[in-house]
Protein backbone atom coordinates (compact mmCIF):
# COMPACT_ATOMS: atom_id res chain seq x y z
CA MET A 1 77.92 245.60 213.68
CA LYS A 2 78.23 242.67 211.34
CA GLY A 3 76.67 239.41 212.53
CA GLY A 4 78.95 236.70 213.83
CA LEU A 5 80.01 234.21 216.45
CA VAL A 6 80.96 236.03 219.63
CA VAL A 7 83.44 234.41 222.01
CA ILE A 8 83.68 235.87 225.51
CA SER A 9 86.50 235.16 227.95
CA GLN A 10 85.19 234.85 231.48
CA GLU A 11 88.57 235.78 232.94
CA ASN A 12 89.25 239.10 231.21
CA GLN A 13 85.96 239.78 229.37
CA GLN A 14 87.91 239.74 226.09
CA VAL A 15 85.64 239.60 223.06
CA MET A 16 86.48 237.98 219.72
CA LEU A 17 84.12 238.35 216.76
CA VAL A 18 84.12 235.56 214.21
CA GLU A 19 82.68 237.02 211.01
CA GLN A 20 79.49 235.52 209.67
CA ASP A 21 79.10 234.66 205.99
CA LYS A 22 76.16 236.00 204.01
CA GLU A 23 74.90 232.45 203.54
CA ASP A 24 74.87 231.87 207.30
CA GLU A 25 71.30 232.96 207.88
CA GLU A 26 70.82 231.54 211.36
CA HIS A 27 71.77 233.25 214.59
CA PHE A 28 75.10 232.20 216.03
CA PRO A 29 75.22 231.37 219.73
CA VAL A 30 77.18 233.43 222.22
CA LEU A 31 79.67 230.85 223.48
CA GLN A 32 81.63 231.07 226.70
CA HIS A 33 85.40 231.04 226.18
CA ASP A 34 86.27 227.57 227.53
CA GLN A 35 89.95 227.66 228.49
CA LYS A 36 89.76 224.10 229.80
CA LEU A 37 88.50 222.80 226.44
CA GLU A 38 91.17 224.72 224.52
CA ALA A 39 93.92 223.45 226.81
CA GLU A 40 92.70 219.86 226.41
CA VAL A 41 92.48 219.94 222.60
CA GLU A 42 95.82 221.74 222.34
CA THR A 43 97.44 219.08 224.55
CA GLU A 44 95.83 216.24 222.59
CA LYS A 45 96.99 217.78 219.34
CA GLN A 46 100.59 217.51 220.54
CA LEU A 47 100.31 213.87 221.68
CA PRO A 48 101.76 211.02 219.58
CA VAL A 49 99.16 209.10 217.58
CA GLU A 50 99.85 205.89 219.54
CA ARG A 51 99.09 207.66 222.82
CA ILE A 52 95.81 209.08 221.47
CA LEU A 53 94.72 205.63 220.26
CA GLN A 54 95.58 204.13 223.65
CA ASP A 55 93.44 206.78 225.37
CA TRP A 56 90.59 206.05 222.96
CA GLU A 57 90.68 202.34 223.79
CA GLU A 58 90.42 203.17 227.49
CA GLU A 59 87.41 205.40 226.72
CA GLY A 60 85.76 202.68 224.59
CA ILE A 61 86.20 204.46 221.22
CA THR A 62 86.89 201.68 218.68
CA ASP A 63 85.91 203.21 215.33
CA ASP A 64 88.33 201.49 212.91
CA PRO A 65 87.92 203.93 209.98
CA VAL A 66 88.64 206.83 212.33
CA ARG A 67 91.70 205.05 213.73
CA MET A 68 93.02 204.61 210.18
CA TYR A 69 92.28 208.27 209.47
CA LEU A 70 94.16 209.34 212.61
CA HIS A 71 97.18 207.26 211.55
CA GLU A 72 97.07 209.03 208.19
CA ILE A 73 96.85 212.58 209.54
CA GLY A 74 99.41 211.69 212.22
CA GLN A 75 102.03 211.65 209.46
CA VAL A 76 101.56 215.41 208.97
CA PRO A 77 104.14 217.28 211.10
CA LEU A 78 102.80 219.72 213.68
CA LEU A 79 103.58 223.42 213.35
CA THR A 80 105.49 225.61 215.75
CA PRO A 81 103.72 228.86 216.78
CA GLU A 82 106.05 230.76 214.45
CA GLU A 83 105.31 228.46 211.48
CA GLU A 84 101.58 228.66 212.19
CA TYR A 85 101.70 232.46 212.25
CA GLU A 86 103.73 232.61 209.01
CA LEU A 87 101.29 230.31 207.19
CA ALA A 88 98.32 232.30 208.51
CA MET A 89 99.90 235.53 207.24
CA ARG A 90 100.39 233.99 203.78
CA VAL A 91 96.72 232.95 203.74
CA TYR A 92 95.71 236.45 204.84
CA ARG A 93 97.89 238.18 202.22
CA GLY A 94 96.65 235.78 199.54
CA LYS A 95 93.05 236.59 200.44
CA GLN A 96 93.74 240.34 200.18
CA ALA A 97 95.51 239.84 196.83
CA ARG A 98 92.56 237.84 195.46
CA GLU A 99 90.15 240.58 196.56
CA GLU A 100 92.33 243.18 194.80
CA LEU A 101 92.35 241.17 191.56
CA GLU A 102 88.58 240.65 191.69
CA ALA A 103 87.97 244.34 192.40
CA ALA A 104 90.12 245.36 189.42
CA GLU A 105 88.25 242.98 187.13
CA ARG A 106 84.88 244.13 188.46
CA GLU A 107 85.73 247.81 187.98
CA GLY A 108 87.42 247.30 184.61
CA ARG A 109 90.80 248.59 185.89
CA GLU A 110 93.96 247.55 184.08
CA LEU A 111 96.77 246.44 186.40
CA ASP A 112 100.37 246.78 185.24
CA PRO A 113 102.03 243.41 184.54
CA GLU A 114 104.35 243.56 187.58
CA THR A 115 101.49 244.28 190.00
CA ARG A 116 99.29 241.54 188.51
CA GLU A 117 102.15 239.03 188.63
CA GLU A 118 102.86 239.90 192.29
CA LEU A 119 99.18 239.59 193.25
CA GLU A 120 98.85 236.24 191.47
CA ARG A 121 101.99 235.01 193.26
CA LEU A 122 100.49 235.98 196.63
CA VAL A 123 97.23 234.20 195.75
CA ALA A 124 99.11 231.00 194.82
CA GLU A 125 101.19 231.15 198.00
CA GLY A 126 98.03 231.76 200.04
CA ASP A 127 96.27 228.73 198.55
CA LYS A 128 99.29 226.53 199.29
CA ALA A 129 99.56 227.89 202.85
CA LYS A 130 95.82 227.36 203.37
CA ASP A 131 96.22 223.68 202.50
CA GLN A 132 99.23 223.30 204.83
CA LEU A 133 97.54 225.09 207.74
CA ALA A 134 94.39 222.98 207.40
CA LYS A 135 96.26 219.65 207.19
CA ALA A 136 98.41 220.51 210.21
CA ASN A 137 95.27 221.09 212.33
CA LEU A 138 93.20 218.05 211.35
CA ARG A 139 94.04 216.46 214.70
CA LEU A 140 92.49 219.49 216.38
CA VAL A 141 89.19 218.59 214.68
CA VAL A 142 89.37 215.00 215.94
CA SER A 143 89.97 216.22 219.50
CA VAL A 144 86.95 218.53 219.39
CA ALA A 145 84.67 216.04 217.57
CA LYS A 146 85.38 213.37 220.21
CA ARG A 147 83.45 215.47 222.74
CA TYR A 148 80.27 215.23 220.65
CA ILE A 149 80.08 211.41 220.47
CA GLY A 150 76.62 210.13 221.40
CA ARG A 151 74.72 213.15 220.05
CA GLY A 152 73.09 211.28 217.15
CA MET A 153 75.91 211.34 214.59
CA SER A 154 78.73 208.88 213.93
CA PHE A 155 82.28 209.84 214.92
CA SER A 156 83.40 209.95 211.28
CA ASP A 157 80.51 212.28 210.36
CA LEU A 158 81.36 214.56 213.28
CA ILE A 159 84.97 214.76 212.06
CA GLN A 160 83.80 215.49 208.51
CA GLU A 161 81.61 218.37 209.69
CA GLY A 162 84.38 219.63 211.95
CA ASN A 163 86.77 219.66 208.99
CA LEU A 164 84.38 222.00 207.17
CA GLY A 165 84.51 224.31 210.18
CA LEU A 166 88.31 224.14 210.14
CA LEU A 167 88.40 225.17 206.47
CA ARG A 168 86.12 228.10 207.27
CA ALA A 169 88.44 229.13 210.11
CA VAL A 170 91.52 228.93 207.87
CA ASP A 171 89.82 231.11 205.29
CA LYS A 172 88.64 233.76 207.77
CA PHE A 173 91.45 233.90 210.35
CA ASN A 174 93.07 237.32 210.73
CA PRO A 175 96.52 236.82 212.35
CA THR A 176 97.00 240.57 212.79
CA LEU A 177 94.47 240.60 215.66
CA GLY A 178 96.78 238.59 217.91
CA TYR A 179 94.64 235.50 218.60
CA LYS A 180 95.94 231.94 218.51
CA PHE A 181 94.71 230.06 215.47
CA SER A 182 93.71 227.01 217.55
CA THR A 183 91.47 229.22 219.74
CA TYR A 184 89.77 230.71 216.68
CA ALA A 185 89.50 227.38 214.85
CA THR A 186 88.06 225.55 217.88
CA TRP A 187 84.98 227.78 217.80
CA TRP A 188 84.43 227.37 214.06
CA ILE A 189 84.80 223.59 214.44
CA ARG A 190 82.30 223.53 217.33
CA GLN A 191 79.89 225.75 215.41
CA ALA A 192 80.04 223.47 212.34
CA ILE A 193 79.47 220.34 214.43
CA ASN A 194 76.63 221.94 216.41
CA ARG A 195 74.93 222.99 213.18
CA ALA A 196 75.29 219.51 211.71
CA ILE A 197 73.79 217.93 214.83
CA ALA A 198 70.89 220.41 214.69
CA ASP A 199 70.31 219.73 210.97
CA GLN A 200 70.91 216.00 210.70
CA ALA A 201 70.92 214.20 214.03
CA ARG A 202 67.38 215.00 215.15
CA THR A 203 64.04 213.98 213.67
CA ILE A 204 62.76 217.50 214.39
CA ARG A 205 65.26 220.20 213.49
CA ILE A 206 66.33 222.53 216.31
CA PRO A 207 67.98 225.94 215.69
CA VAL A 208 71.74 226.06 216.26
CA HIS A 209 71.55 228.51 219.17
CA MET A 210 69.04 226.22 220.93
CA VAL A 211 71.31 223.19 220.41
CA GLU A 212 74.10 225.06 222.23
CA THR A 213 71.70 225.91 225.07
CA ILE A 214 70.63 222.25 225.31
CA ASN A 215 74.25 221.10 225.36
CA ARG A 216 75.13 223.59 228.10
CA LEU A 217 72.11 222.52 230.16
CA ILE A 218 73.01 218.82 229.81
CA ARG A 219 76.60 219.53 230.90
CA THR A 220 75.30 221.50 233.90
CA GLN A 221 72.86 218.71 234.76
CA ARG A 222 75.63 216.09 234.72
CA ARG A 223 77.95 218.23 236.85
CA LEU A 224 75.29 218.94 239.48
CA THR A 225 74.30 215.26 239.57
CA GLN A 226 77.91 214.37 240.43
CA GLU A 227 78.19 217.15 243.02
CA LEU A 228 74.83 216.55 244.72
CA GLY A 229 74.64 212.78 244.37
CA ARG A 230 71.10 213.10 242.96
CA GLU A 231 69.22 214.61 240.04
CA PRO A 232 69.16 218.43 240.34
CA THR A 233 65.83 220.22 240.47
CA SER A 234 64.71 222.70 237.81
CA GLU A 235 65.31 225.54 240.28
CA GLU A 236 68.91 224.41 240.91
CA LEU A 237 69.55 224.15 237.18
CA ALA A 238 68.05 227.61 236.59
CA LEU A 239 70.44 229.14 239.16
CA GLU A 240 73.46 227.45 237.53
CA MET A 241 72.39 228.33 233.98
CA GLY A 242 72.37 232.05 234.75
CA TYR A 243 68.67 232.55 234.06
CA LEU A 244 68.55 235.00 236.98
CA GLU A 245 70.53 238.17 237.65
CA PRO A 246 73.70 237.59 239.75
CA GLU A 247 72.29 239.65 242.64
CA GLU A 248 69.03 237.67 242.59
CA ARG A 249 70.91 234.37 242.54
CA GLU A 250 73.05 235.50 245.48
CA GLN A 251 69.95 236.53 247.47
CA ILE A 252 68.20 233.22 246.78
CA GLU A 253 71.24 231.14 247.75
CA GLU A 254 71.72 233.13 250.98
CA MET A 255 68.06 232.77 251.96
CA GLN A 256 68.08 229.04 251.13
CA ALA A 257 71.27 228.56 253.18
CA ARG A 258 69.58 230.21 256.18
CA GLY A 259 66.39 228.23 255.62
CA ASP A 260 64.38 231.43 255.14
CA PRO A 261 61.37 231.43 252.77
CA LEU A 262 61.81 233.41 249.56
CA ASP A 263 59.90 236.65 249.21
CA PRO A 264 57.05 236.55 246.62
CA LEU A 265 58.98 238.47 243.93
CA LEU A 266 62.06 236.21 244.08
CA ARG A 267 59.83 233.12 244.21
CA ARG A 268 58.04 234.21 241.00
CA LYS A 269 61.34 234.91 239.23
CA LEU A 270 62.80 231.56 240.28
CA LYS A 271 59.61 229.81 239.15
CA ARG A 272 59.81 231.49 235.71
CA ALA A 273 63.50 230.53 235.39
CA ALA A 274 62.68 226.92 236.35
CA ALA A 275 59.91 226.88 233.72
CA LYS A 276 62.48 227.98 231.13
CA VAL A 277 64.71 225.03 232.12
CA GLN A 278 61.76 222.63 231.77
CA GLN A 279 60.98 224.07 228.34
CA VAL A 280 64.57 223.50 227.15
CA LEU A 281 64.48 219.93 228.50
CA ARG A 282 61.21 219.28 226.62
CA ILE A 283 62.76 220.58 223.40
CA ALA A 284 65.76 218.30 223.98
CA GLU A 285 63.56 215.18 224.13
CA GLU A 286 63.74 212.97 221.05
CA PRO A 287 60.44 211.73 219.57
CA ILE A 288 59.80 207.99 219.82
CA SER A 289 58.92 206.08 216.67
CA LEU A 290 55.60 204.23 216.71
CA GLU A 291 57.50 201.36 215.08
CA THR A 292 59.61 200.89 218.24
CA SER A 293 59.51 197.24 219.32
CA VAL A 294 57.80 196.36 222.60
CA GLY A 295 58.22 193.24 224.70
CA GLU A 296 60.89 190.59 225.00
CA GLU A 297 59.91 188.88 221.74
CA ASN A 298 59.92 192.18 219.80
CA ASP A 299 56.75 190.97 218.08
CA SER A 300 54.76 194.12 218.85
CA SER A 301 55.28 197.84 218.27
CA LEU A 302 54.09 200.92 220.12
CA LEU A 303 51.56 201.48 217.34
CA ASP A 304 49.74 198.31 218.41
CA PHE A 305 48.97 199.91 221.79
CA VAL A 306 47.94 203.39 220.60
CA LYS A 307 44.22 204.04 220.78
CA ASP A 308 42.58 204.97 217.46
CA ASP A 309 40.01 207.63 218.40
CA SER A 310 38.47 207.47 214.92
CA MET A 311 37.33 203.88 215.49
CA PRO A 312 34.09 203.30 217.45
CA ALA A 313 34.14 201.29 220.64
CA PRO A 314 33.30 197.59 220.13
CA GLY A 315 29.92 198.00 221.86
CA ASP A 316 29.01 201.02 219.72
CA ALA A 317 30.06 199.20 216.55
CA ALA A 318 27.84 196.23 217.43
CA SER A 319 24.88 198.53 218.19
CA TYR A 320 25.40 200.35 214.88
CA MET A 321 25.34 197.05 212.96
CA LEU A 322 22.11 195.99 214.70
CA LEU A 323 20.54 199.39 214.00
CA ARG A 324 21.30 199.09 210.28
CA GLU A 325 19.69 195.65 210.20
CA GLN A 326 16.56 196.94 212.00
CA LEU A 327 16.33 199.92 209.64
CA ARG A 328 16.49 197.66 206.59
CA GLU A 329 13.74 195.52 208.12
CA VAL A 330 11.50 198.50 208.96
CA LEU A 331 11.99 200.15 205.55
CA LYS A 332 10.61 197.04 203.83
CA VAL A 333 7.07 198.28 204.54
CA LEU A 334 7.67 201.29 202.25
CA SER A 335 7.43 201.41 198.49
CA ASP A 336 10.67 201.54 196.52
CA ARG A 337 10.26 205.30 195.85
CA GLU A 338 9.44 206.10 199.50
CA ARG A 339 12.41 204.07 200.74
CA GLU A 340 14.80 205.73 198.27
CA VAL A 341 13.56 209.24 199.16
CA LEU A 342 14.19 208.63 202.88
CA GLU A 343 17.61 207.11 202.18
CA LEU A 344 18.63 210.22 200.23
CA ARG A 345 17.08 212.74 202.64
CA PHE A 346 18.60 211.18 205.81
CA GLY A 347 22.01 210.12 204.47
CA LEU A 348 21.32 206.39 204.66
CA LYS A 349 22.72 205.75 201.17
CA ASP A 350 26.15 207.47 201.11
CA GLY A 351 26.23 209.56 204.29
CA ARG A 352 25.17 212.74 202.49
CA TYR A 353 21.91 214.54 203.35
CA TYR A 354 20.19 215.62 200.10
CA THR A 355 17.86 218.63 199.97
CA LEU A 356 14.26 218.41 198.73
CA GLU A 357 15.39 220.27 195.58
CA GLU A 358 18.19 217.74 194.87
CA VAL A 359 15.96 214.70 195.44
CA GLY A 360 13.30 216.26 193.22
CA ARG A 361 15.83 216.63 190.38
CA ILE A 362 16.85 212.96 190.77
CA PHE A 363 13.24 211.78 190.44
CA GLY A 364 12.18 214.46 187.96
CA VAL A 365 9.45 215.92 190.20
CA THR A 366 8.97 219.10 192.24
CA ARG A 367 10.40 219.61 195.73
CA GLU A 368 6.81 219.80 197.04
CA ARG A 369 6.08 216.33 195.67
CA ILE A 370 9.21 214.96 197.42
CA ARG A 371 8.06 216.59 200.69
CA GLN A 372 4.71 214.81 200.37
CA ILE A 373 6.36 211.42 199.68
CA GLU A 374 8.67 211.90 202.67
CA ALA A 375 5.79 212.85 205.00
CA LYS A 376 3.76 209.83 203.92
CA ALA A 377 6.73 207.47 204.46
CA LEU A 378 7.43 208.87 207.94
CA ARG A 379 3.77 208.43 208.94
CA LYS A 380 4.03 204.74 208.05
CA LEU A 381 7.21 204.36 210.14
CA ARG A 382 5.66 206.10 213.16
CA HIS A 383 3.10 203.33 213.53
CA PRO A 384 3.62 201.75 216.98
CA GLN A 385 4.10 198.28 215.50
CA ARG A 386 7.16 199.53 213.61
CA SER A 387 8.57 202.41 215.69
CA HIS A 388 9.03 200.31 218.85
CA LYS A 389 11.78 198.34 217.07
CA LEU A 390 13.92 201.49 216.81
CA ARG A 391 13.00 203.16 220.11
CA ASP A 392 15.76 201.32 222.05
CA TYR A 393 18.44 202.98 219.87
CA LEU A 394 17.35 206.54 220.66
CA SER A 395 19.42 206.57 223.88
């Protein structure tokens, strides 16, 4: 079966497949058919613009550019179901006519003038109907986009992305299947907004199907918080999210209601489901910038309080400085050549440990001669009068 967005009705298990474009490479989520959402957006679409703006003010939505945009699209008359169906059929026939013209050109077939003229007329009518159908449903996009405020994108950007989903729905809707256009379009609008949030709103990109899972978990978390009067546990969220089989969930709820302990198998399954919830919640967490201000004066950032493991502790740094000074003092008893050989051999010059062969090439002598110079220099340093100065640093 061709890939696509699958919409499932919980009431009658009706399935609607929204075709997936070739360029849509990501997996589409399986979305529950939300009759409540569809009823709400359909009702809002029918409301006068003044009433919608009044509701927005009560909800604290005061985006002036969006209010101006709503006034503008509010001038477009709404369609009756019959008008919507007729426009959708024109779009559908125009799409078929365009495909026929493209196929004829691709295959080198000559169409008679009457057929070509009729197909071109259908294409033109389809393009005009597509524009009318899209404009008449712009308020549907606003109604859906409003439900995604606070997800990391501005309201106007959400509407813009939703409009792209609406155009995709207009282009792909098949009115012969018997579905309402608003039902079909709502899912394309949601899919477009979800994808935009996944791509743009987060510092770390999350796949579209995971964004939908996160959104569903957050909605479930809010609902349970209201019902229980407290934050739900991971186990309670797992039961509500459907991470267990229905029979297993029923068994667990019955045993919990009776106060009976869960048997080991059910306990393990519930624990795994709860771990899945915790994993989704971790993915949902936004990273915090190290530039985030800290304190009332905002004169410090988180970066100021992050330990730098590459830096030595103050005590170690002081000891290292003293050791270098003692080494310089001790090495003064050596000749220039002896001191330079030891510095190269033990990395005291640039941190690199040179081999006998490499040091020999630098001085133009054999590796055996360098070994002799090194041994002589070390014997001098091992003298008790000199070595005791460095012994304290060996610990």
